[in-house]
Protein backbone atom coordinates (compact mmCIF):
# COMPACT_ATOMS: atom_id res chain seq x y z
CA MET A 1 -15.45 0.30 7.04
CA GLU A 2 -15.93 0.82 3.20
CA LYS A 3 -15.64 -1.41 0.32
CA VAL A 4 -12.23 -1.27 -1.39
CA ASN A 5 -11.58 -3.66 -4.08
CA ASN A 6 -15.00 -5.33 -3.52
CA ARG A 7 -13.82 -6.60 0.18
CA THR A 8 -14.82 -4.12 3.37
CA THR A 9 -11.86 -2.98 4.75
CA ASP A 10 -10.63 -0.08 7.28
CA ILE A 11 -10.07 3.25 5.43
CA VAL A 12 -7.68 5.39 7.13
CA CYS A 13 -8.20 8.64 4.90
CA LYS A 14 -8.78 9.76 1.51
CA ASN A 15 -6.86 12.44 -0.44
CA THR A 16 -4.36 13.23 2.05
CA LYS A 17 -1.23 14.52 0.82
CA ALA A 18 -1.99 12.96 -2.59
CA TYR A 19 -1.62 9.62 -1.34
CA GLY A 20 -5.17 8.97 -2.04
CA VAL A 21 -7.26 5.96 -0.44
CA LEU A 22 -5.36 4.79 2.46
CA ILE A 23 -6.03 1.16 3.72
CA ASP A 24 -4.64 0.71 7.45
CA VAL A 25 -2.94 -2.92 7.75
CA SER A 26 -2.03 -1.92 11.52
CA ASN A 27 -5.08 -4.12 12.64
CA THR A 28 -3.98 -7.30 10.85
CA ASP A 29 -2.68 -10.20 12.26
CA VAL A 30 0.48 -10.14 10.04
CA TYR A 31 1.27 -6.43 11.31
CA LYS A 32 1.25 -7.88 14.99
CA ASP A 33 3.17 -10.84 13.99
CA LEU A 34 5.96 -8.78 12.72
CA ASN A 35 5.83 -6.49 15.95
CA PHE A 36 5.75 -3.21 14.02
CA ARG A 37 4.79 -0.39 16.84
CA ASP A 38 3.63 2.38 14.56
CA PRO A 39 0.75 2.11 12.24
CA ILE A 40 1.09 1.15 8.59
CA SER A 41 -1.11 2.26 5.64
CA VAL A 42 -0.64 1.44 2.24
CA THR A 43 -2.24 2.97 -0.87
CA ASN A 44 -4.70 1.52 -2.75
CA GLU A 45 -2.70 0.95 -5.67
CA VAL A 46 -0.25 -0.91 -3.82
CA TYR A 47 -2.96 -2.64 -2.12
CA SER A 48 -4.64 -3.69 -5.10
CA GLU A 49 -1.46 -4.90 -7.00
CA ILE A 50 0.48 -6.52 -4.52
CA VAL A 51 -1.96 -7.79 -1.73
CA THR A 52 -5.46 -8.16 -3.27
CA TRP A 53 -6.11 -11.67 -5.16
CA TYR A 54 -7.89 -11.84 -8.10
CA GLY A 55 -6.73 -14.99 -9.71
CA GLU A 56 -7.88 -18.86 -9.46
CA LEU A 57 -7.37 -20.53 -6.03
CA ASP A 58 -5.30 -23.59 -5.49
CA GLU A 59 -7.55 -26.33 -3.80
CA ASN A 60 -6.57 -25.88 -0.66
CA LYS A 61 -6.13 -22.18 -0.16
CA SER A 62 -8.76 -19.33 0.29
CA ILE A 63 -8.78 -15.70 -0.84
CA CYS A 64 -8.04 -14.69 2.91
CA GLU A 65 -5.20 -16.69 2.94
CA MET A 66 -3.56 -15.88 -0.49
CA GLU A 67 -3.86 -12.23 0.55
CA THR A 68 -2.70 -12.72 3.84
CA ALA A 69 0.41 -14.68 2.18
CA ARG A 70 0.77 -11.61 0.04
CA LEU A 71 0.39 -8.74 3.12
CA TRP A 72 3.24 -11.25 4.92
CA ASN A 73 5.74 -11.02 2.14
CA MET A 74 5.20 -6.91 1.51
CA LEU A 75 5.15 -6.32 5.53
CA LEU A 76 8.09 -8.53 6.08
CA MET A 77 10.15 -7.29 3.40
CA MET A 78 10.03 -4.02 4.85
CA ARG A 79 10.62 -4.95 8.38
CA VAL A 80 14.15 -6.67 6.74
CA ARG A 81 14.68 -3.18 4.93
CA LEU A 82 14.11 -0.97 8.18
CA MET A 83 16.52 -3.49 10.19
CA GLN A 84 19.12 -3.12 7.46
CA ILE A 85 19.15 0.71 7.40
CA GLY A 86 18.27 1.24 11.02
CA GLN A 87 15.79 4.61 10.06
CA GLU A 88 12.79 5.61 12.11
CA LYS A 89 12.08 8.84 9.93
CA GLY A 90 12.09 9.67 6.22
CA THR A 91 11.28 7.63 3.44
CA PHE A 92 13.16 4.77 1.81
CA THR A 93 12.64 2.21 -0.69
CA TYR A 94 12.96 -1.98 -0.76
CA LEU A 95 11.92 -4.66 -3.48
CA VAL A 96 9.42 -7.13 -2.96
CA ASN A 97 8.62 -9.86 -5.40
CA ALA A 98 4.85 -10.70 -5.93
CA LYS A 99 2.97 -13.12 -8.69
CA PRO A 100 0.53 -10.18 -10.44
CA SER A 101 -2.61 -10.43 -8.69
CA ASP A 102 -4.86 -11.72 -11.50
CA GLY A 103 -2.82 -14.86 -11.41
CA GLU A 104 -1.96 -14.96 -15.12
CA MET A 105 1.50 -14.68 -15.16
CA PRO A 106 3.10 -17.55 -13.62
CA LEU A 107 6.37 -15.62 -12.93
CA LEU A 108 6.81 -13.30 -9.85
CA LEU A 109 7.39 -9.58 -10.85
CA GLY A 110 9.41 -7.67 -8.58
CA TYR A 111 8.09 -4.51 -7.61
CA GLU A 112 9.85 -1.11 -5.89
CA LEU A 113 7.82 0.24 -2.94
CA GLN A 114 8.52 3.46 -1.40
CA VAL A 115 7.99 3.95 2.37
CA VAL A 116 7.38 7.41 4.06
CA ILE A 117 7.64 7.45 7.80
CA GLU A 118 6.47 10.68 9.21
CA GLU A 119 4.65 12.26 12.31
CA ASP A 120 0.84 12.50 12.19
CA THR A 121 -0.92 15.56 13.66
CA ASP A 122 -0.12 14.21 17.42
CA GLY A 123 3.30 13.69 16.78
CA LYS A 124 3.04 9.98 16.70
CA LEU A 125 5.27 8.10 13.62
CA ILE A 126 2.82 6.58 10.64
CA SER A 127 4.28 4.89 7.75
CA THR A 128 2.64 4.88 4.47
CA ILE A 129 3.58 2.35 1.98
CA MET A 130 3.27 3.32 -1.87
CA PHE A 131 4.70 3.07 -5.23
CA PRO A 132 7.62 5.62 -5.80
CA ASP A 133 5.54 8.12 -7.91
CA ASP A 134 2.13 7.44 -5.80
CA ARG A 135 3.52 10.58 -3.52
CA TYR A 136 4.86 13.41 -6.32
CA VAL A 137 1.18 13.48 -8.22
CA HIS A 138 1.38 16.80 -10.20
CA PHE A 139 -1.06 18.45 -12.23
CA GLU A 140 -1.94 21.50 -13.74
CA VAL A 141 -5.49 22.97 -12.79
CA PRO A 142 -6.28 24.90 -16.41
CA PRO A 143 -7.28 28.46 -16.42
CA LYS A 144 -10.60 29.51 -15.42
CA ASP A 145 -11.60 30.59 -18.92
CA ASP A 146 -10.75 26.82 -20.02
CA PHE A 147 -13.16 25.14 -17.73
CA PHE A 148 -16.14 25.93 -20.33
CA ASP A 149 -16.17 25.77 -24.04
CA GLU A 150 -17.28 28.85 -25.39
CA GLU A 151 -19.78 28.68 -28.08
């Protein structure tokens, strides 16, 4: 267990395949209720933007209830898309609507999410939910001479 976004959560791994910090949602009631078989991880960027709630709460709802509903929405839309395309491995995208996590904007925003389903080192399938540009992080390492300023 580790602190992410001021909450204690399960961290799957860090800096693997340029995904960054991954949060395991396979141990949630939402995951179990939607009958997923294979583990699902979510990048910290997606979790922060779509699941985590920073805004004000309604009188009758707790942060936990708000975030559970937001996770339900994200995973349900993934489940629907999987049923539409019948895909078991590879990459696909889907859309999910969510209110911005700060609660400032009263309208829903549409987010495009990408799911990569691949085999782990044991040959078992694992899904990772990310924004489409999370997977392909490119950067150039400067030449060794450029690391230090010469005086």
